């Protein structure tokens, strides 16, 4: 089954400021049971991990084709396997 991932900040509320200490990739295929897949230092690393996670699961038996979701509208090849 093709899975869906979301990238979100790992943050801490410090009173007057919210500190982002990293980024995490969350499997949100089951909206009622999200699962953290990985953590990363930067948002681009997390986006890349989310892309790989979704692409890998698209090859599992019974999966729909990867929809090549575009994470960065400025990149015409974003989310696409161009290798």
C-alpha atoms as a PDB file:
ATOM      1  CA  UNK A   1       0.000   0.000   0.000  1.00  0.00           C
ATOM      2  CA  UNK A   2       1.352   3.397  -0.918  1.00  0.00           C
ATOM      3  CA  UNK A   3       1.821   5.399   2.243  1.00  0.00           C
ATOM      4  CA  UNK A   4       1.530   9.138   2.796  1.00  0.00           C
ATOM      5  CA  UNK A   5       4.129  11.085   4.770  1.00  0.00           C
ATOM      6  CA  UNK A   6       4.022  14.536   6.317  1.00  0.00           C
ATOM      7  CA  UNK A   7       6.991  16.713   7.295  1.00  0.00           C
ATOM      8  CA  UNK A   8       6.581  18.788  10.438  1.00  0.00           C
ATOM      9  CA  UNK A   9       8.847  20.790  12.739  1.00  0.00           C
ATOM     10  CA  UNK A  10       9.989  19.537  16.115  1.00  0.00           C
ATOM     11  CA  UNK A  11       9.484  22.610  18.260  1.00  0.00           C
ATOM     12  CA  UNK A  12       9.672  23.786  21.842  1.00  0.00           C
ATOM     13  CA  UNK A  13       7.759  26.715  23.312  1.00  0.00           C
ATOM     14  CA  UNK A  14      10.186  29.017  25.172  1.00  0.00           C
ATOM     15  CA  UNK A  15       7.752  31.665  26.343  1.00  0.00           C
ATOM     16  CA  UNK A  16       8.292  34.490  23.868  1.00  0.00           C
ATOM     17  CA  UNK A  17       9.656  32.239  21.123  1.00  0.00           C
ATOM     18  CA  UNK A  18       9.096  28.861  19.566  1.00  0.00           C
ATOM     19  CA  UNK A  19      12.378  27.074  18.921  1.00  0.00           C
ATOM     20  CA  UNK A  20      12.515  24.604  16.019  1.00  0.00           C
ATOM     21  CA  UNK A  21      15.087  21.977  16.955  1.00  0.00           C
ATOM     22  CA  UNK A  22      14.601  19.679  13.979  1.00  0.00           C
ATOM     23  CA  UNK A  23      12.148  18.130  11.548  1.00  0.00           C
ATOM     24  CA  UNK A  24      10.323  14.843  11.590  1.00  0.00           C
ATOM     25  CA  UNK A  25       8.684  12.645   8.996  1.00  0.00           C
ATOM     26  CA  UNK A  26       5.331  11.193  10.041  1.00  0.00           C
ATOM     27  CA  UNK A  27       3.434   8.376   8.297  1.00  0.00           C
ATOM     28  CA  UNK A  28      -0.132   9.724   8.087  1.00  0.00           C
ATOM     29  CA  UNK A  29      -1.585   6.977   5.920  1.00  0.00           C
ATOM     30  CA  UNK A  30      -3.918   6.155   8.810  1.00  0.00           C
ATOM     31  CA  UNK A  31      -5.065   9.612   9.991  1.00  0.00           C
ATOM     32  CA  UNK A  32      -6.135   8.286  13.397  1.00  0.00           C
ATOM     33  CA  UNK A  33      -2.775   6.583  14.026  1.00  0.00           C
ATOM     34  CA  UNK A  34       0.136   8.709  12.742  1.00  0.00           C
ATOM     35  CA  UNK A  35       3.584   7.198  13.271  1.00  0.00           C
ATOM     36  CA  UNK A  36       6.907   9.016  13.349  1.00  0.00           C
ATOM     37  CA  UNK A  37       9.264   7.552  10.744  1.00  0.00           C
ATOM     38  CA  UNK A  38      12.407   9.626  11.243  1.00  0.00           C
ATOM     39  CA  UNK A  39      13.921  12.877  12.548  1.00  0.00           C
ATOM     40  CA  UNK A  40      16.273  15.239  10.735  1.00  0.00           C
ATOM     41  CA  UNK A  41      18.305  18.376  11.408  1.00  0.00           C
ATOM     42  CA  UNK A  42      17.001  20.311   8.409  1.00  0.00           C
ATOM     43  CA  UNK A  43      13.719  20.572   6.531  1.00  0.00           C
ATOM     44  CA  UNK A  44      15.254  19.608   3.148  1.00  0.00           C
ATOM     45  CA  UNK A  45      16.614  16.384   4.703  1.00  0.00           C
ATOM     46  CA  UNK A  46      13.169  15.572   6.084  1.00  0.00           C
ATOM     47  CA  UNK A  47      11.480  16.300   2.741  1.00  0.00           C
ATOM     48  CA  UNK A  48      13.933  14.005   0.979  1.00  0.00           C
ATOM     49  CA  UNK A  49      13.260  11.249   3.531  1.00  0.00           C
ATOM     50  CA  UNK A  50       9.489  11.679   3.090  1.00  0.00           C
ATOM     51  CA  UNK A  51       9.862  11.416  -0.684  1.00  0.00           C
ATOM     52  CA  UNK A  52      11.934   8.237  -0.365  1.00  0.00           C
ATOM     53  CA  UNK A  53       9.470   6.716   2.131  1.00  0.00           C
ATOM     54  CA  UNK A  54       6.499   7.345  -0.166  1.00  0.00           C
ATOM     55  CA  UNK A  55       8.368   6.099  -3.250  1.00  0.00           C
ATOM     56  CA  UNK A  56       9.547   2.911  -1.508  1.00  0.00           C
ATOM     57  CA  UNK A  57       6.062   2.026  -0.320  1.00  0.00           C
ATOM     58  CA  UNK A  58       4.642   2.619  -3.795  1.00  0.00           C
ATOM     59  CA  UNK A  59       6.392  -0.598  -4.876  1.00  0.00           C
ATOM     60  CA  UNK A  60       4.701  -2.799  -2.251  1.00  0.00           C
ATOM     61  CA  UNK A  61       2.128  -5.324  -3.531  1.00  0.00           C
ATOM     62  CA  UNK A  62      -1.327  -3.786  -3.964  1.00  0.00           C
ATOM     63  CA  UNK A  63      -0.028  -0.223  -4.059  1.00  0.00           C
ATOM     64  CA  UNK A  64      -1.403   2.440  -6.323  1.00  0.00           C
ATOM     65  CA  UNK A  65       1.228   4.159  -8.494  1.00  0.00           C
ATOM     66  CA  UNK A  66       3.193   6.910  -6.752  1.00  0.00           C
ATOM     67  CA  UNK A  67       1.389  10.195  -7.362  1.00  0.00           C
ATOM     68  CA  UNK A  68       4.703  12.107  -7.553  1.00  0.00           C
ATOM     69  CA  UNK A  69       3.432  14.650  -5.058  1.00  0.00           C
ATOM     70  CA  UNK A  70       5.185  17.968  -5.599  1.00  0.00           C
ATOM     71  CA  UNK A  71       6.790  19.223  -2.381  1.00  0.00           C
ATOM     72  CA  UNK A  72       8.501  22.200  -4.017  1.00  0.00           C
ATOM     73  CA  UNK A  73       6.474  23.919  -6.711  1.00  0.00           C
ATOM     74  CA  UNK A  74       9.570  25.724  -8.006  1.00  0.00           C
ATOM     75  CA  UNK A  75      11.245  22.386  -8.907  1.00  0.00           C
ATOM     76  CA  UNK A  76       9.633  20.844 -12.014  1.00  0.00           C
ATOM     77  CA  UNK A  77      11.050  17.399 -11.101  1.00  0.00           C
ATOM     78  CA  UNK A  78      10.146  17.453  -7.404  1.00  0.00           C
ATOM     79  CA  UNK A  79       8.697  14.181  -6.209  1.00  0.00           C
ATOM     80  CA  UNK A  80       9.533  12.435  -9.491  1.00  0.00           C
ATOM     81  CA  UNK A  81      12.043   9.674 -10.008  1.00  0.00           C
ATOM     82  CA  UNK A  82      14.222  11.198 -12.707  1.00  0.00           C
ATOM     83  CA  UNK A  83      17.157   8.779 -12.439  1.00  0.00           C
END
